[in-house]
Amino acid sequence: MEHNSSTSLTRRGLLRTGAGAGLAALGLGYGAQSASAAVPTSPRFDLSQPSYDLFRDNVLHSKRVQQSFAFDSVNKRLFVAAKRYGSTEEAGDLCISELDFHGNYVSYMHLNGFGHGVAFGVRPSGSTSYLWIESDANSGGYGSKLACVKYTAGATLDSSSTSFGRFQPVSGATEYTCSIDPVHNRMIVRYHKDGAKHIAVYNVSDTDNGDFSNPLVNFTPPSISGTPQGYTLYGSYMYFMTGNAYSDANPDPGNTYITSINVNTGAIAQGPTLTKAGSTLTFREPEGLAVYRTDAGESRLFLGFATGVEGDRRSSIFYKNALV
């Protein structure tokens, strides 16, 4: 994959206070307001078109099922989140594996007590990658806040640390995850409030400064059947994946479906559409969506799958590139 430039975090924002408790307090108390502006209309990925391999069955530091992944397109890094080997589901202990853009393993970082790893985003700043990821896992193992964490190879970070910022973007919400659109520089946040999941979209020029007070849109997405396995944003469309691992009751080609949702209207644009990407893989549990654009200007929607046998799970990632 090729290099793609992206706006860095502002000096007056996360970088200035990210090493101490100042950032930890910066975003707390912000409440989502009514949408103040629509997201500019963009093309969308045609989910009916073929998928292509990025790589198959590549090794991660954790041997457990991957949960999600995200790109640092400036520094050519791919980060994959999985549960930490040996931890319980409810502990919220994550292992982040750093891969290169060919899928070769480079390093790892442990995040203890952070959450489930449903989705996360990356913001590059110089040669440093900052992970926007859920933190402060609740009793069910899901993050109750969003955090901005500096990726440090080989380090172990506890969610109780005061060395990073944590945020509660929406007043009264109890769980958060996020993903970042690095092409259009926006963050999508999925949060749980009043017994339902909701979606908000922000400009990263705001979230880089810990400001979640001006969502572009804020809506309740349509109900989509199936096990949720990841989401991301590209322009004015959200992409949502559902499905399960292969089993006797769910044989090849499986039940992995992708749906696109117009974030300005909250309506389904396409899908749910069955994907057969990697249909011959072993196990093949859908896990994670992400977006990237090459230097040549090709936008890609990436689909992740946990593959391999129990005790040695691997990562397999594919992409779609047809826009309409």
Protein backbone atom coordinates (compact mmCIF):
# COMPACT_ATOMS: atom_id res chain seq x y z
CA MET A 1 0.00 0.00 0.00
CA GLU A 2 1.05 3.54 -0.60
CA HIS A 3 1.57 6.64 1.47
CA ASN A 4 -1.32 9.05 1.98
CA SER A 5 -0.97 12.40 3.75
CA SER A 6 -3.22 13.39 6.63
CA THR A 7 -3.68 16.38 8.90
CA SER A 8 -1.66 16.01 12.13
CA LEU A 9 -2.89 16.72 15.62
CA THR A 10 -2.62 20.39 16.50
CA ARG A 11 0.12 21.51 18.85
CA ARG A 12 -2.35 23.47 20.96
CA GLY A 13 -4.56 20.40 21.25
CA LEU A 14 -3.71 16.83 22.10
CA LEU A 15 0.06 17.07 21.80
CA ARG A 16 0.38 19.92 24.25
CA THR A 17 -1.49 18.20 27.08
CA GLY A 18 -1.51 14.57 26.01
CA ALA A 19 1.22 13.52 28.43
CA GLY A 20 -0.59 14.58 31.56
CA ALA A 21 -3.88 14.91 33.36
CA GLY A 22 -4.80 18.14 31.58
CA LEU A 23 -6.07 16.27 28.54
CA ALA A 24 -7.93 13.82 30.71
CA ALA A 25 -10.18 16.63 31.86
CA LEU A 26 -10.42 18.48 28.57
CA GLY A 27 -13.28 16.59 27.00
CA LEU A 28 -15.32 15.52 30.02
CA GLY A 29 -18.69 17.14 30.28
CA TYR A 30 -19.17 17.87 26.58
CA GLY A 31 -22.67 16.89 25.52
CA ALA A 32 -23.79 16.12 21.98
CA GLN A 33 -26.07 18.84 20.65
CA SER A 34 -28.44 18.79 17.70
CA ALA A 35 -26.66 18.50 14.38
CA SER A 36 -25.41 21.92 13.35
CA ALA A 37 -24.42 20.98 9.80
CA ALA A 38 -24.85 18.13 7.35
CA VAL A 39 -21.95 16.01 6.16
CA PRO A 40 -21.06 17.00 2.57
CA THR A 41 -22.34 14.46 0.05
CA SER A 42 -19.76 11.95 -1.21
CA PRO A 43 -19.61 8.87 -3.45
CA ARG A 44 -20.14 5.52 -1.73
CA PHE A 45 -18.61 2.09 -2.12
CA ASP A 46 -20.60 -0.33 -4.26
CA LEU A 47 -20.91 -3.33 -1.97
CA SER A 48 -21.99 -5.62 -4.81
CA GLN A 49 -18.58 -5.37 -6.51
CA PRO A 50 -15.72 -7.83 -5.94
CA SER A 51 -13.28 -7.75 -3.03
CA TYR A 52 -9.50 -8.08 -3.35
CA ASP A 53 -6.85 -9.52 -1.02
CA LEU A 54 -4.59 -7.34 1.07
CA PHE A 55 -3.29 -10.42 2.92
CA ARG A 56 -4.45 -13.73 4.39
CA ASP A 57 -3.67 -15.58 7.61
CA ASN A 58 -1.03 -13.20 8.96
CA VAL A 59 0.30 -13.50 12.50
CA LEU A 60 -0.65 -11.14 15.35
CA HIS A 61 0.93 -10.84 18.78
CA SER A 62 -2.25 -12.15 20.41
CA LYS A 63 -3.41 -15.56 19.29
CA ARG A 64 -7.03 -14.67 19.99
CA VAL A 65 -9.65 -13.44 17.52
CA GLN A 66 -8.99 -9.96 16.15
CA GLN A 67 -11.72 -7.41 16.89
CA SER A 68 -10.94 -4.45 14.63
CA PHE A 69 -8.16 -2.63 12.78
CA ALA A 70 -7.15 0.86 11.63
CA PHE A 71 -4.52 2.48 9.40
CA ASP A 72 -1.92 5.17 10.00
CA SER A 73 -1.56 6.06 6.33
CA VAL A 74 1.15 8.66 6.96
CA ASN A 75 3.55 6.31 8.76
CA LYS A 76 2.45 3.19 6.85
CA ARG A 77 1.27 1.30 9.91
CA LEU A 78 -1.66 -1.03 10.34
CA PHE A 79 -2.93 -1.65 13.87
CA VAL A 80 -5.06 -4.66 14.77
CA ALA A 81 -6.89 -4.99 18.08
CA ALA A 82 -7.50 -8.37 19.71
CA LYS A 83 -8.32 -9.54 23.20
CA ARG A 84 -5.24 -10.15 25.31
CA TYR A 85 -4.33 -13.84 25.51
CA GLY A 86 -5.22 -15.30 28.91
CA SER A 87 -7.61 -12.50 29.93
CA THR A 88 -11.34 -12.92 30.44
CA GLU A 89 -13.89 -11.44 28.06
CA GLU A 90 -15.12 -9.03 30.74
CA ALA A 91 -11.67 -7.69 31.67
CA GLY A 92 -11.42 -5.48 28.59
CA ASP A 93 -7.72 -6.24 28.14
CA LEU A 94 -6.61 -5.55 24.57
CA CYS A 95 -3.50 -6.41 22.61
CA ILE A 96 -2.73 -4.01 19.76
CA SER A 97 -0.51 -5.50 17.05
CA GLU A 98 1.38 -3.19 14.71
CA LEU A 99 1.81 -4.54 11.18
CA ASP A 100 3.35 -3.01 8.08
CA PHE A 101 1.20 -2.47 5.00
CA HIS A 102 2.08 -5.95 3.75
CA GLY A 103 0.71 -7.46 6.94
CA ASN A 104 4.06 -8.33 8.50
CA TYR A 105 4.11 -8.23 12.30
CA VAL A 106 6.21 -5.38 13.76
CA SER A 107 5.37 -4.81 17.44
CA TYR A 108 2.63 -4.87 20.08
CA MET A 109 1.15 -2.82 22.92
CA HIS A 110 -1.07 -4.02 25.77
CA LEU A 111 -4.05 -1.91 26.89
CA ASN A 112 -5.45 -3.31 30.14
CA GLY A 113 -9.05 -2.61 31.10
CA PHE A 114 -9.87 -0.63 27.97
CA GLY A 115 -12.76 -2.48 26.35
CA HIS A 116 -13.93 -4.89 23.68
CA GLY A 117 -12.12 -3.35 20.69
CA VAL A 118 -15.19 -3.12 18.45
CA ALA A 119 -13.69 -0.25 16.43
CA PHE A 120 -10.98 2.38 16.79
CA GLY A 121 -9.16 5.05 14.79
CA VAL A 122 -5.64 6.38 14.34
CA ARG A 123 -4.40 9.97 14.11
CA PRO A 124 -0.77 10.39 12.97
CA SER A 125 1.42 13.22 14.27
CA GLY A 126 4.89 13.24 12.78
CA SER A 127 6.29 9.75 13.29
CA THR A 128 3.89 9.02 16.18
CA SER A 129 0.57 7.19 15.96
CA TYR A 130 -2.22 8.13 18.39
CA LEU A 131 -4.99 5.57 18.90
CA TRP A 132 -8.53 6.82 19.50
CA ILE A 133 -10.04 3.84 21.28
CA GLU A 134 -12.57 2.93 23.95
CA SER A 135 -11.33 2.89 27.56
CA ASP A 136 -12.46 2.37 31.16
CA ALA A 137 -14.17 -0.96 30.53
CA ASN A 138 -17.45 -1.53 32.35
CA SER A 139 -18.50 -4.78 34.00
CA GLY A 140 -19.41 -6.22 30.62
CA GLY A 141 -16.00 -5.45 29.14
CA TYR A 142 -17.06 -2.51 26.95
CA GLY A 143 -15.48 0.94 27.09
CA SER A 144 -17.34 3.66 28.99
CA LYS A 145 -15.19 6.48 27.57
CA LEU A 146 -13.10 7.31 24.52
CA ALA A 147 -9.34 7.70 24.93
CA CYS A 148 -6.49 9.12 22.89
CA VAL A 149 -3.44 6.93 23.50
CA LYS A 150 0.08 7.26 22.11
CA TYR A 151 1.11 3.95 20.60
CA THR A 152 4.30 2.78 22.29
CA ALA A 153 5.80 -0.49 21.11
CA GLY A 154 6.20 -3.08 23.88
CA ALA A 155 4.43 -0.98 26.51
CA THR A 156 1.60 -1.96 28.83
CA LEU A 157 -0.90 0.75 29.74
CA ASP A 158 -3.69 0.49 32.31
CA SER A 159 -6.97 2.30 31.76
CA SER A 160 -6.56 3.94 35.18
CA SER A 161 -3.45 5.81 34.00
CA THR A 162 -3.52 9.63 33.96
CA SER A 163 -1.06 9.77 31.07
CA PHE A 164 -3.73 10.04 28.36
CA GLY A 165 -6.97 11.88 27.70
CA ARG A 166 -10.35 10.26 28.12
CA PHE A 167 -13.67 11.68 26.97
CA GLN A 168 -17.42 11.26 27.35
CA PRO A 169 -18.70 12.97 24.20
CA VAL A 170 -22.43 12.52 24.88
CA SER A 171 -24.12 13.34 28.14
CA GLY A 172 -25.80 10.26 29.61
CA ALA A 173 -24.18 7.74 27.25
CA THR A 174 -22.67 4.64 28.84
CA GLU A 175 -20.52 3.02 26.11
CA TYR A 176 -18.44 4.42 23.26
CA THR A 177 -16.45 3.26 20.25
CA CYS A 178 -15.17 5.23 17.26
CA SER A 179 -13.62 5.03 13.81
CA ILE A 180 -11.87 7.67 11.71
CA ASP A 181 -12.30 8.54 8.05
CA PRO A 182 -8.75 9.64 7.09
CA VAL A 183 -9.83 10.73 3.61
CA HIS A 184 -12.42 13.30 4.71
CA ASN A 185 -10.94 13.85 8.21
CA ARG A 186 -13.97 12.96 10.29
CA MET A 187 -14.62 10.76 13.30
CA ILE A 188 -17.69 8.59 13.69
CA VAL A 189 -18.74 7.69 17.24
CA ARG A 190 -21.15 4.88 18.11
CA TYR A 191 -22.56 5.23 21.61
CA HIS A 192 -25.12 3.55 23.85
CA LYS A 193 -27.80 5.70 25.45
CA ASP A 194 -31.37 5.11 26.63
CA GLY A 195 -31.21 1.45 25.69
CA ALA A 196 -30.16 1.98 22.06
CA LYS A 197 -27.13 2.57 19.87
CA HIS A 198 -26.69 6.00 18.29
CA ILE A 199 -24.28 7.58 15.81
CA ALA A 200 -22.55 10.98 15.83
CA VAL A 201 -20.06 12.36 13.30
CA TYR A 202 -17.45 15.04 14.09
CA ASN A 203 -14.71 16.92 12.28
CA VAL A 204 -11.30 15.75 13.46
CA SER A 205 -10.27 19.41 13.68
CA ASP A 206 -12.60 19.46 16.70
CA THR A 207 -11.86 16.03 18.17
CA ASP A 208 -8.09 16.65 17.91
CA ASN A 209 -8.70 19.32 20.53
CA GLY A 210 -10.97 17.12 22.65
CA ASP A 211 -14.06 19.03 21.52
CA PHE A 212 -17.16 16.92 20.92
CA SER A 213 -19.66 19.77 21.30
CA ASN A 214 -20.42 20.25 17.58
CA PRO A 215 -21.53 17.02 15.92
CA LEU A 216 -22.21 17.33 12.20
CA VAL A 217 -24.96 14.73 12.50
CA ASN A 218 -26.41 12.75 15.39
CA PHE A 219 -28.93 9.99 14.69
CA THR A 220 -30.25 6.55 15.55
CA PRO A 221 -29.25 4.09 12.81
CA PRO A 222 -31.76 1.66 11.28
CA SER A 223 -32.08 -1.77 12.82
CA ILE A 224 -29.93 -4.34 11.02
CA SER A 225 -30.18 -8.02 11.94
CA GLY A 226 -27.11 -10.11 12.65
CA THR A 227 -24.15 -9.96 15.03
CA PRO A 228 -22.44 -6.53 14.82
CA GLN A 229 -18.78 -6.94 13.82
CA GLY A 230 -17.52 -3.46 12.99
CA TYR A 231 -18.22 -0.14 11.31
CA THR A 232 -16.46 2.79 9.71
CA LEU A 233 -17.11 6.04 7.85
CA TYR A 234 -16.31 7.25 4.34
CA GLY A 235 -17.62 10.67 3.42
CA SER A 236 -21.36 10.81 3.95
CA TYR A 237 -21.80 7.05 4.37
CA MET A 238 -21.38 4.74 7.33
CA TYR A 239 -20.52 1.09 6.68
CA PHE A 240 -21.72 -1.60 9.07
CA MET A 241 -20.75 -5.29 9.08
CA THR A 242 -22.54 -8.24 10.66
CA GLY A 243 -21.92 -11.98 10.71
CA ASN A 244 -20.50 -14.99 12.48
CA ALA A 245 -17.67 -17.48 12.16
CA TYR A 246 -18.13 -20.56 10.02
CA SER A 247 -19.90 -23.43 11.76
CA ASP A 248 -22.07 -26.40 10.88
CA ALA A 249 -25.04 -24.02 11.01
CA ASN A 250 -23.17 -21.32 9.07
CA PRO A 251 -21.07 -22.97 6.35
CA ASP A 252 -19.27 -21.39 3.40
CA PRO A 253 -20.07 -18.73 2.14
CA GLY A 254 -21.25 -17.73 5.61
CA ASN A 255 -23.45 -14.88 6.75
CA THR A 256 -21.17 -11.82 6.55
CA TYR A 257 -23.18 -8.84 5.34
CA ILE A 258 -22.20 -5.20 4.81
CA THR A 259 -24.65 -2.30 4.81
CA SER A 260 -24.10 1.33 3.85
CA ILE A 261 -26.08 4.04 5.64
CA ASN A 262 -26.48 7.67 4.58
CA VAL A 263 -25.47 9.61 7.71
CA ASN A 264 -27.42 12.69 6.61
CA THR A 265 -30.73 10.83 6.39
CA GLY A 266 -30.12 7.79 8.59
CA ALA A 267 -31.49 5.59 5.79
CA ILE A 268 -29.92 2.47 4.31
CA ALA A 269 -28.27 3.21 0.96
CA GLN A 270 -27.31 -0.37 0.02
CA GLY A 271 -27.55 -3.76 1.62
CA PRO A 272 -27.32 -5.75 3.70
CA THR A 273 -25.11 -7.28 0.98
CA LEU A 274 -23.48 -10.68 1.37
CA THR A 275 -19.70 -10.67 0.94
CA LYS A 276 -17.81 -13.80 -0.08
CA ALA A 277 -14.37 -12.25 0.47
CA GLY A 278 -12.00 -14.96 1.68
CA SER A 279 -14.73 -17.59 1.50
CA THR A 280 -12.20 -20.46 1.53
CA LEU A 281 -10.56 -19.35 4.78
CA THR A 282 -10.63 -21.46 7.94
CA PHE A 283 -12.96 -20.20 10.71
CA ARG A 284 -13.56 -16.78 8.96
CA GLU A 285 -15.26 -14.55 11.49
CA PRO A 286 -15.91 -10.99 10.24
CA GLU A 287 -14.05 -8.53 12.46
CA GLY A 288 -13.59 -4.89 11.56
CA LEU A 289 -13.95 -2.30 8.81
CA ALA A 290 -11.60 0.57 7.90
CA VAL A 291 -10.93 3.08 5.11
CA TYR A 292 -7.71 4.08 3.34
CA ARG A 293 -6.77 6.00 0.18
CA THR A 294 -3.62 5.45 -1.86
CA ASP A 295 -1.34 8.17 -3.20
CA ALA A 296 -2.83 7.46 -6.60
CA GLY A 297 -6.19 8.53 -5.18
CA GLU A 298 -7.90 5.15 -4.94
CA SER A 299 -10.21 4.94 -1.94
CA ARG A 300 -10.60 1.52 -0.39
CA LEU A 301 -13.05 -0.01 2.07
CA PHE A 302 -11.26 -2.75 4.03
CA LEU A 303 -12.95 -5.83 5.50
CA GLY A 304 -11.28 -7.81 8.28
CA PHE A 305 -11.68 -11.46 9.25
CA ALA A 306 -10.32 -13.53 12.10
CA THR A 307 -9.08 -16.78 10.60
CA GLY A 308 -7.10 -19.87 11.54
CA VAL A 309 -7.51 -22.43 14.31
CA GLU A 310 -8.23 -21.90 18.00
CA GLY A 311 -5.04 -21.02 19.86
CA ASP A 312 -3.48 -19.64 16.68
CA ARG A 313 -5.95 -17.16 15.23
CA ARG A 314 -4.71 -15.09 12.30
CA SER A 315 -5.68 -11.86 10.54
CA SER A 316 -7.02 -11.69 6.99
CA ILE A 317 -7.93 -8.38 5.32
CA PHE A 318 -9.60 -7.61 1.98
CA TYR A 319 -10.82 -4.45 0.29
CA LYS A 320 -13.41 -3.03 -2.10
CA ASN A 321 -12.56 -0.09 -4.35
CA ALA A 322 -15.55 0.56 -6.62
CA LEU A 323 -17.31 3.86 -5.93
CA VAL A 324 -20.69 5.02 -7.21
